[in-house]
Amino acid sequence: MRGKPKRMNILIVLGIGIVALLAAAAAVLSQVEDWSRDFRTNFAAIEPDVTDERLRPLRTSLAPAALAERVETAIKPLANWRLQSGEGAGDSIKMHFVRSTALWRFKDDIRVTITPASGSGSVLTATSQSRVGKGDLGQNPRNLRELLAAVRRTIE
């Protein structure tokens, strides 16, 4: 008789553990947008010809230095983002941000480049790369979309 309650407790704890593991896996897998990309790539870029229109360069009427200030302002309230470095070389400005993932604290390097646009204004492009892992489960494109959305909010 004594063995049955102990065995039942073990089965209950094991069952709870399995359910928690399945819930965590479902939460991670629900973040995957592109099954052909997200398990094999740990890099994303803002480029003019990407299929995802949300990852195209940001063109503004602001001068590069003014846009760089807006980028810094936009990033400050974002959780887990921090400015690592920034430098200006001529009219071009480069900024390096590090974003840590919430749960596992993995670090992604986001490199922003602001260049003068032809005529006037400026253009923002960026890359995001995970420091570890073969795939990013879509985190790097999310980093870039988060960056662009935050900057757009400061411009509007």
N, C-alpha and C. Protein backbone atom coordinates (compact mmCIF):
# COMPACT_ATOMS: atom_id res chain seq x y z
N MET A 1 0.81 -1.20 0.00
CA MET A 1 0.00 0.00 0.00
C MET A 1 0.85 1.26 0.00
N ARG A 2 1.96 1.22 0.72
CA ARG A 2 2.78 2.42 0.85
C ARG A 2 3.38 2.84 -0.48
N GLY A 3 3.67 1.93 -1.38
CA GLY A 3 4.31 2.23 -2.65
C GLY A 3 3.39 2.93 -3.63
N LYS A 4 2.06 2.65 -3.57
CA LYS A 4 1.13 3.22 -4.54
C LYS A 4 1.00 4.74 -4.42
N PRO A 5 0.80 5.33 -3.24
CA PRO A 5 0.71 6.79 -3.18
C PRO A 5 2.00 7.48 -3.65
N LYS A 6 3.14 6.90 -3.32
CA LYS A 6 4.41 7.49 -3.74
C LYS A 6 4.53 7.43 -5.26
N ARG A 7 4.16 6.29 -5.83
CA ARG A 7 4.21 6.14 -7.28
C ARG A 7 3.23 7.10 -7.95
N MET A 8 2.06 7.28 -7.36
CA MET A 8 1.05 8.20 -7.90
C MET A 8 1.58 9.63 -7.87
N ASN A 9 2.24 10.01 -6.80
CA ASN A 9 2.82 11.36 -6.72
C ASN A 9 3.89 11.57 -7.80
N ILE A 10 4.69 10.56 -8.02
CA ILE A 10 5.72 10.65 -9.06
C ILE A 10 5.08 10.82 -10.43
N LEU A 11 4.01 10.06 -10.69
CA LEU A 11 3.32 10.17 -11.98
C LEU A 11 2.67 11.54 -12.15
N ILE A 12 2.13 12.08 -11.09
CA ILE A 12 1.51 13.41 -11.16
C ILE A 12 2.57 14.47 -11.47
N VAL A 13 3.68 14.42 -10.77
CA VAL A 13 4.77 15.38 -11.00
C VAL A 13 5.31 15.22 -12.41
N LEU A 14 5.47 13.99 -12.87
CA LEU A 14 5.95 13.73 -14.23
C LEU A 14 4.96 14.28 -15.25
N GLY A 15 3.69 14.07 -15.02
CA GLY A 15 2.65 14.58 -15.92
C GLY A 15 2.66 16.10 -16.00
N ILE A 16 2.80 16.75 -14.86
CA ILE A 16 2.86 18.21 -14.82
C ILE A 16 4.10 18.70 -15.57
N GLY A 17 5.21 18.00 -15.39
CA GLY A 17 6.44 18.38 -16.10
C GLY A 17 6.29 18.26 -17.61
N ILE A 18 5.65 17.19 -18.06
CA ILE A 18 5.45 16.99 -19.49
C ILE A 18 4.53 18.07 -20.06
N VAL A 19 3.46 18.39 -19.35
CA VAL A 19 2.55 19.44 -19.81
C VAL A 19 3.27 20.78 -19.87
N ALA A 20 4.09 21.09 -18.88
CA ALA A 20 4.84 22.35 -18.88
C ALA A 20 5.82 22.39 -20.05
N LEU A 21 6.48 21.28 -20.31
CA LEU A 21 7.42 21.20 -21.43
C LEU A 21 6.71 21.39 -22.76
N LEU A 22 5.57 20.76 -22.93
CA LEU A 22 4.79 20.91 -24.16
C LEU A 22 4.29 22.35 -24.33
N ALA A 23 3.88 22.97 -23.23
CA ALA A 23 3.42 24.37 -23.31
C ALA A 23 4.57 25.29 -23.71
N ALA A 24 5.76 25.06 -23.15
CA ALA A 24 6.93 25.86 -23.51
C ALA A 24 7.29 25.66 -24.98
N ALA A 25 7.25 24.43 -25.45
CA ALA A 25 7.56 24.15 -26.86
C ALA A 25 6.54 24.82 -27.77
N ALA A 26 5.27 24.76 -27.40
CA ALA A 26 4.23 25.42 -28.21
C ALA A 26 4.44 26.93 -28.25
N ALA A 27 4.83 27.51 -27.13
CA ALA A 27 5.08 28.95 -27.09
C ALA A 27 6.24 29.34 -28.00
N VAL A 28 7.30 28.56 -27.99
CA VAL A 28 8.45 28.84 -28.85
C VAL A 28 8.08 28.65 -30.31
N LEU A 29 7.44 27.55 -30.62
CA LEU A 29 7.10 27.25 -32.02
C LEU A 29 6.06 28.22 -32.57
N SER A 30 5.23 28.81 -31.73
CA SER A 30 4.24 29.78 -32.22
C SER A 30 4.91 31.06 -32.70
N GLN A 31 6.16 31.30 -32.32
CA GLN A 31 6.90 32.48 -32.75
C GLN A 31 7.48 32.33 -34.16
N VAL A 32 7.53 31.10 -34.65
CA VAL A 32 8.14 30.84 -35.95
C VAL A 32 7.21 31.34 -37.05
N GLU A 33 7.71 32.25 -37.89
CA GLU A 33 6.92 32.78 -39.00
C GLU A 33 7.27 32.08 -40.30
N ASP A 34 8.53 31.78 -40.49
CA ASP A 34 9.01 31.23 -41.76
C ASP A 34 9.73 29.92 -41.48
N TRP A 35 9.03 28.82 -41.64
CA TRP A 35 9.58 27.52 -41.30
C TRP A 35 10.79 27.16 -42.16
N SER A 36 10.89 27.70 -43.36
CA SER A 36 12.02 27.38 -44.22
C SER A 36 13.26 28.18 -43.84
N ARG A 37 13.11 29.25 -43.07
CA ARG A 37 14.22 30.11 -42.70
C ARG A 37 14.64 30.01 -41.24
N ASP A 38 13.67 30.01 -40.34
CA ASP A 38 13.92 30.28 -38.93
C ASP A 38 14.71 29.20 -38.18
N PHE A 39 14.81 28.00 -38.71
CA PHE A 39 15.60 26.96 -38.06
C PHE A 39 17.02 26.86 -38.63
N ARG A 40 17.26 27.57 -39.75
CA ARG A 40 18.55 27.45 -40.43
C ARG A 40 19.34 28.75 -40.48
N THR A 41 18.74 29.87 -40.13
CA THR A 41 19.39 31.17 -40.29
C THR A 41 19.37 31.93 -38.98
N ASN A 42 20.50 32.56 -38.65
CA ASN A 42 20.54 33.38 -37.43
C ASN A 42 20.94 34.81 -37.77
N PHE A 43 20.50 35.29 -38.94
CA PHE A 43 20.86 36.61 -39.43
C PHE A 43 19.67 37.18 -40.21
N ALA A 44 19.46 38.49 -40.09
CA ALA A 44 18.44 39.18 -40.88
C ALA A 44 18.96 40.56 -41.21
N ALA A 45 18.46 41.11 -42.32
CA ALA A 45 18.92 42.43 -42.75
C ALA A 45 17.76 43.24 -43.31
N ILE A 46 17.86 44.55 -43.13
CA ILE A 46 16.95 45.49 -43.77
C ILE A 46 17.56 45.79 -45.13
N GLU A 47 16.83 45.41 -46.18
CA GLU A 47 17.34 45.59 -47.54
C GLU A 47 16.20 46.02 -48.46
N PRO A 48 16.53 46.72 -49.54
CA PRO A 48 15.48 47.23 -50.42
C PRO A 48 14.67 46.15 -51.12
N ASP A 49 15.24 44.99 -51.37
CA ASP A 49 14.56 43.99 -52.18
C ASP A 49 14.02 42.79 -51.41
N VAL A 50 13.92 42.87 -50.08
CA VAL A 50 13.40 41.73 -49.31
C VAL A 50 11.90 41.58 -49.55
N THR A 51 11.42 40.35 -49.46
CA THR A 51 10.00 40.09 -49.71
C THR A 51 9.12 40.65 -48.59
N ASP A 52 9.61 40.66 -47.37
CA ASP A 52 8.85 41.21 -46.24
C ASP A 52 8.99 42.73 -46.25
N GLU A 53 7.93 43.42 -46.66
CA GLU A 53 7.98 44.88 -46.78
C GLU A 53 8.30 45.57 -45.46
N ARG A 54 8.06 44.89 -44.35
CA ARG A 54 8.35 45.48 -43.03
C ARG A 54 9.84 45.55 -42.77
N LEU A 55 10.65 44.91 -43.62
CA LEU A 55 12.11 44.89 -43.45
C LEU A 55 12.83 45.66 -44.55
N ARG A 56 12.16 46.68 -45.07
CA ARG A 56 12.79 47.53 -46.10
C ARG A 56 13.37 48.76 -45.44
N PRO A 57 14.37 49.39 -46.07
CA PRO A 57 15.02 50.56 -45.47
C PRO A 57 14.03 51.68 -45.14
N LEU A 58 14.34 52.39 -44.08
CA LEU A 58 13.53 53.52 -43.64
C LEU A 58 14.13 54.79 -44.24
N ARG A 59 13.35 55.48 -45.04
CA ARG A 59 13.78 56.73 -45.66
C ARG A 59 13.06 57.88 -44.98
N THR A 60 13.81 58.88 -44.57
CA THR A 60 13.22 60.03 -43.87
C THR A 60 13.76 61.33 -44.44
N SER A 61 13.10 62.41 -44.09
CA SER A 61 13.57 63.73 -44.49
C SER A 61 14.59 64.28 -43.48
N LEU A 62 14.81 63.55 -42.40
CA LEU A 62 15.75 63.99 -41.37
C LEU A 62 17.19 63.83 -41.84
N ALA A 63 18.05 64.70 -41.36
CA ALA A 63 19.48 64.56 -41.60
C ALA A 63 19.99 63.32 -40.83
N PRO A 64 21.08 62.72 -41.27
CA PRO A 64 21.58 61.52 -40.58
C PRO A 64 21.76 61.70 -39.07
N ALA A 65 22.34 62.81 -38.64
CA ALA A 65 22.55 63.02 -37.19
C ALA A 65 21.22 63.11 -36.45
N ALA A 66 20.23 63.76 -37.04
CA ALA A 66 18.91 63.86 -36.40
C ALA A 66 18.24 62.50 -36.33
N LEU A 67 18.37 61.70 -37.38
CA LEU A 67 17.79 60.36 -37.36
C LEU A 67 18.49 59.49 -36.32
N ALA A 68 19.80 59.63 -36.19
CA ALA A 68 20.54 58.86 -35.17
C ALA A 68 20.03 59.19 -33.77
N GLU A 69 19.74 60.46 -33.53
CA GLU A 69 19.18 60.86 -32.22
C GLU A 69 17.83 60.21 -32.01
N ARG A 70 17.01 60.16 -33.05
CA ARG A 70 15.69 59.53 -32.94
C ARG A 70 15.82 58.02 -32.68
N VAL A 71 16.81 57.39 -33.29
CA VAL A 71 17.03 55.96 -33.05
C VAL A 71 17.37 55.73 -31.58
N GLU A 72 18.28 56.53 -31.04
CA GLU A 72 18.63 56.38 -29.62
C GLU A 72 17.43 56.60 -28.72
N THR A 73 16.63 57.61 -29.03
CA THR A 73 15.42 57.89 -28.25
C THR A 73 14.43 56.73 -28.35
N ALA A 74 14.30 56.18 -29.54
CA ALA A 74 13.35 55.09 -29.76
C ALA A 74 13.74 53.83 -29.00
N ILE A 75 15.03 53.57 -28.86
CA ILE A 75 15.50 52.33 -28.25
C ILE A 75 15.44 52.39 -26.71
N LYS A 76 15.58 53.56 -26.15
CA LYS A 76 15.65 53.67 -24.68
C LYS A 76 14.51 52.95 -23.95
N PRO A 77 13.25 53.10 -24.36
CA PRO A 77 12.18 52.43 -23.60
C PRO A 77 12.02 50.94 -23.91
N LEU A 78 12.73 50.43 -24.92
CA LEU A 78 12.57 49.02 -25.28
C LEU A 78 13.27 48.12 -24.28
N ALA A 79 12.55 47.11 -23.85
CA ALA A 79 13.12 46.16 -22.89
C ALA A 79 14.25 45.37 -23.54
N ASN A 80 15.30 45.18 -22.80
CA ASN A 80 16.42 44.31 -23.19
C ASN A 80 17.29 44.85 -24.31
N TRP A 81 17.15 46.11 -24.68
CA TRP A 81 17.99 46.73 -25.70
C TRP A 81 18.97 47.67 -25.02
N ARG A 82 20.20 47.74 -25.54
CA ARG A 82 21.14 48.76 -25.04
C ARG A 82 22.09 49.15 -26.16
N LEU A 83 22.47 50.41 -26.14
CA LEU A 83 23.42 50.92 -27.12
C LEU A 83 24.81 50.48 -26.71
N GLN A 84 25.49 49.78 -27.59
CA GLN A 84 26.84 49.31 -27.33
C GLN A 84 27.86 50.36 -27.78
N SER A 85 27.66 50.90 -28.99
CA SER A 85 28.59 51.91 -29.50
C SER A 85 27.93 52.67 -30.65
N GLY A 86 28.51 53.81 -30.94
CA GLY A 86 28.05 54.62 -32.06
C GLY A 86 29.21 55.43 -32.59
N GLU A 87 29.26 55.59 -33.90
CA GLU A 87 30.34 56.37 -34.48
C GLU A 87 29.87 56.98 -35.79
N GLY A 88 30.39 58.14 -36.07
CA GLY A 88 30.09 58.81 -37.33
C GLY A 88 31.35 58.89 -38.16
N ALA A 89 31.24 58.55 -39.42
CA ALA A 89 32.37 58.65 -40.33
C ALA A 89 31.87 59.44 -41.54
N GLY A 90 32.21 60.72 -41.59
CA GLY A 90 31.67 61.55 -42.65
C GLY A 90 30.19 61.76 -42.43
N ASP A 91 29.41 61.53 -43.47
CA ASP A 91 27.96 61.68 -43.35
C ASP A 91 27.28 60.41 -42.85
N SER A 92 28.00 59.30 -42.82
CA SER A 92 27.45 58.02 -42.42
C SER A 92 27.60 57.82 -40.91
N ILE A 93 26.56 57.26 -40.31
CA ILE A 93 26.58 57.00 -38.86
C ILE A 93 26.32 55.51 -38.65
N LYS A 94 27.12 54.90 -37.80
CA LYS A 94 26.95 53.48 -37.47
C LYS A 94 26.69 53.36 -35.97
N MET A 95 25.71 52.51 -35.64
CA MET A 95 25.35 52.28 -34.25
C MET A 95 25.28 50.77 -34.03
N HIS A 96 25.73 50.34 -32.85
CA HIS A 96 25.69 48.92 -32.51
C HIS A 96 24.86 48.77 -31.24
N PHE A 97 23.78 48.01 -31.35
CA PHE A 97 22.91 47.72 -30.21
C PHE A 97 23.02 46.24 -29.88
N VAL A 98 22.81 45.90 -28.62
CA VAL A 98 22.74 44.51 -28.19
C VAL A 98 21.37 44.30 -27.56
N ARG A 99 20.69 43.26 -28.01
CA ARG A 99 19.38 42.92 -27.45
C ARG A 99 19.50 41.54 -26.84
N SER A 100 19.04 41.41 -25.61
CA SER A 100 19.05 40.12 -24.91
C SER A 100 17.64 39.53 -24.95
N THR A 101 17.54 38.24 -25.22
CA THR A 101 16.23 37.61 -25.20
C THR A 101 15.75 37.52 -23.76
N ALA A 102 14.45 37.56 -23.60
CA ALA A 102 13.87 37.65 -22.26
C ALA A 102 14.15 36.41 -21.41
N LEU A 103 13.94 35.23 -21.96
CA LEU A 103 14.02 34.03 -21.13
C LEU A 103 15.45 33.53 -20.95
N TRP A 104 16.15 33.27 -22.02
CA TRP A 104 17.46 32.64 -21.95
C TRP A 104 18.62 33.63 -21.96
N ARG A 105 18.32 34.91 -22.17
CA ARG A 105 19.33 35.98 -22.18
C ARG A 105 20.35 35.83 -23.31
N PHE A 106 19.95 35.18 -24.42
CA PHE A 106 20.82 35.14 -25.59
C PHE A 106 20.99 36.56 -26.11
N LYS A 107 22.13 36.86 -26.67
CA LYS A 107 22.41 38.20 -27.14
C LYS A 107 22.41 38.24 -28.67
N ASP A 108 21.76 39.27 -29.20
CA ASP A 108 21.75 39.52 -30.64
C ASP A 108 22.41 40.87 -30.87
N ASP A 109 23.23 40.95 -31.91
CA ASP A 109 23.90 42.20 -32.28
C ASP A 109 23.12 42.85 -33.42
N ILE A 110 22.66 44.07 -33.18
CA ILE A 110 21.94 44.83 -34.18
C ILE A 110 22.83 46.00 -34.58
N ARG A 111 23.17 46.05 -35.85
CA ARG A 111 24.05 47.09 -36.36
C ARG A 111 23.26 47.97 -37.31
N VAL A 112 23.14 49.24 -36.94
CA VAL A 112 22.36 50.22 -37.69
C VAL A 112 23.32 51.11 -38.48
N THR A 113 22.97 51.36 -39.73
CA THR A 113 23.74 52.29 -40.56
C THR A 113 22.78 53.34 -41.09
N ILE A 114 23.15 54.60 -40.89
CA ILE A 114 22.36 55.73 -41.38
C ILE A 114 23.22 56.48 -42.38
N THR A 115 22.71 56.61 -43.60
CA THR A 115 23.46 57.30 -44.66
C THR A 115 22.59 58.40 -45.25
N PRO A 116 23.24 59.41 -45.82
CA PRO A 116 22.46 60.45 -46.49
C PRO A 116 21.71 59.86 -47.69
N ALA A 117 20.50 60.31 -47.89
CA ALA A 117 19.73 59.90 -49.06
C ALA A 117 20.12 60.80 -50.22
N SER A 118 19.92 60.31 -51.44
CA SER A 118 20.22 61.17 -52.58
C SER A 118 19.25 62.35 -52.55
N GLY A 119 19.77 63.54 -52.71
CA GLY A 119 18.96 64.75 -52.60
C GLY A 119 19.02 65.29 -51.18
N SER A 120 18.14 64.80 -50.31
CA SER A 120 18.16 65.23 -48.90
C SER A 120 17.57 64.11 -48.04
N GLY A 121 17.72 64.27 -46.75
CA GLY A 121 17.21 63.25 -45.84
C GLY A 121 18.23 62.16 -45.59
N SER A 122 17.74 61.02 -45.10
CA SER A 122 18.64 59.92 -44.79
C SER A 122 17.92 58.59 -44.91
N VAL A 123 18.72 57.53 -44.93
CA VAL A 123 18.21 56.16 -45.07
C VAL A 123 18.80 55.32 -43.94
N LEU A 124 17.94 54.57 -43.27
CA LEU A 124 18.37 53.67 -42.20
C LEU A 124 18.30 52.24 -42.71
N THR A 125 19.41 51.52 -42.58
CA THR A 125 19.44 50.08 -42.82
C THR A 125 20.03 49.44 -41.56
N ALA A 126 19.85 48.15 -41.43
CA ALA A 126 20.37 47.48 -40.24
C ALA A 126 20.48 45.98 -40.49
N THR A 127 21.27 45.34 -39.65
CA THR A 127 21.37 43.88 -39.62
C THR A 127 21.19 43.44 -38.18
N SER A 128 20.76 42.21 -38.02
CA SER A 128 20.64 41.62 -36.70
C SER A 128 21.17 40.20 -36.79
N GLN A 129 22.06 39.84 -35.87
CA GLN A 129 22.64 38.50 -35.88
C GLN A 129 22.74 37.96 -34.46
N SER A 130 22.33 36.72 -34.32
CA SER A 130 22.45 36.02 -33.04
C SER A 130 23.90 35.64 -32.83
N ARG A 131 24.34 35.70 -31.58
CA ARG A 131 25.72 35.31 -31.27
C ARG A 131 25.90 33.81 -31.21
N VAL A 132 24.85 33.09 -30.87
CA VAL A 132 24.94 31.63 -30.77
C VAL A 132 23.79 31.00 -31.54
N GLY A 133 23.99 29.78 -31.93
CA GLY A 133 22.93 29.01 -32.56
C GLY A 133 22.97 29.04 -34.06
N LYS A 134 22.39 28.02 -34.64
CA LYS A 134 22.33 27.90 -36.09
C LYS A 134 21.08 28.58 -36.63
N GLY A 135 20.00 28.56 -35.88
CA GLY A 135 18.74 29.20 -36.27
C GLY A 135 18.31 30.14 -35.17
N ASP A 136 17.47 31.11 -35.55
CA ASP A 136 17.07 32.12 -34.56
C ASP A 136 15.58 32.08 -34.23
N LEU A 137 14.84 31.12 -34.80
CA LEU A 137 13.40 31.00 -34.60
C LEU A 137 12.68 32.32 -34.93
N GLY A 138 13.27 33.09 -35.84
CA GLY A 138 12.65 34.33 -36.29
C GLY A 138 12.96 35.55 -35.44
N GLN A 139 13.84 35.42 -34.45
CA GLN A 139 14.11 36.54 -33.55
C GLN A 139 14.79 37.71 -34.26
N ASN A 140 15.72 37.45 -35.16
CA ASN A 140 16.42 38.56 -35.81
C ASN A 140 15.50 39.41 -36.68
N PRO A 141 14.62 38.83 -37.49
CA PRO A 141 13.65 39.69 -38.18
C PRO A 141 12.74 40.46 -37.22
N ARG A 142 12.36 39.81 -36.10
CA ARG A 142 11.54 40.52 -35.09
C ARG A 142 12.32 41.69 -34.50
N ASN A 143 13.63 41.51 -34.27
CA ASN A 143 14.45 42.61 -33.75
C ASN A 143 14.39 43.80 -34.70
N LEU A 144 14.55 43.54 -35.98
CA LEU A 144 14.57 44.62 -36.96
C LEU A 144 13.20 45.29 -37.09
N ARG A 145 12.14 44.50 -37.06
CA ARG A 145 10.80 45.09 -37.11
C ARG A 145 10.52 45.93 -35.87
N GLU A 146 10.99 45.46 -34.71
CA GLU A 146 10.82 46.22 -33.47
C GLU A 146 11.59 47.54 -33.55
N LEU A 147 12.80 47.50 -34.06
CA LEU A 147 13.60 48.70 -34.24
C LEU A 147 12.90 49.69 -35.16
N LEU A 148 12.48 49.22 -36.33
CA LEU A 148 11.84 50.12 -37.30
C LEU A 148 10.54 50.70 -36.74
N ALA A 149 9.74 49.90 -36.08
CA ALA A 149 8.48 50.40 -35.51
C ALA A 149 8.74 51.46 -34.45
N ALA A 150 9.74 51.24 -33.61
CA ALA A 150 10.07 52.21 -32.56
C ALA A 150 10.57 53.52 -33.17
N VAL A 151 11.41 53.42 -34.19
CA VAL A 151 11.93 54.64 -34.83
C VAL A 151 10.81 55.39 -35.52
N ARG A 152 9.94 54.67 -36.21
CA ARG A 152 8.80 55.33 -36.88
C ARG A 152 7.93 56.08 -35.88
N ARG A 153 7.73 55.51 -34.70
CA ARG A 153 6.92 56.19 -33.67
C ARG A 153 7.56 57.51 -33.25
N THR A 154 8.89 57.56 -33.22
CA THR A 154 9.54 58.81 -32.80
C THR A 154 9.55 59.86 -33.92
N ILE A 155 9.41 59.41 -35.15
CA ILE A 155 9.40 60.34 -36.29
C ILE A 155 8.02 60.93 -36.49
N GLU A 156 6.99 60.14 -36.28
CA GLU A 156 5.62 60.60 -36.56
C GLU A 156 5.11 61.59 -35.55
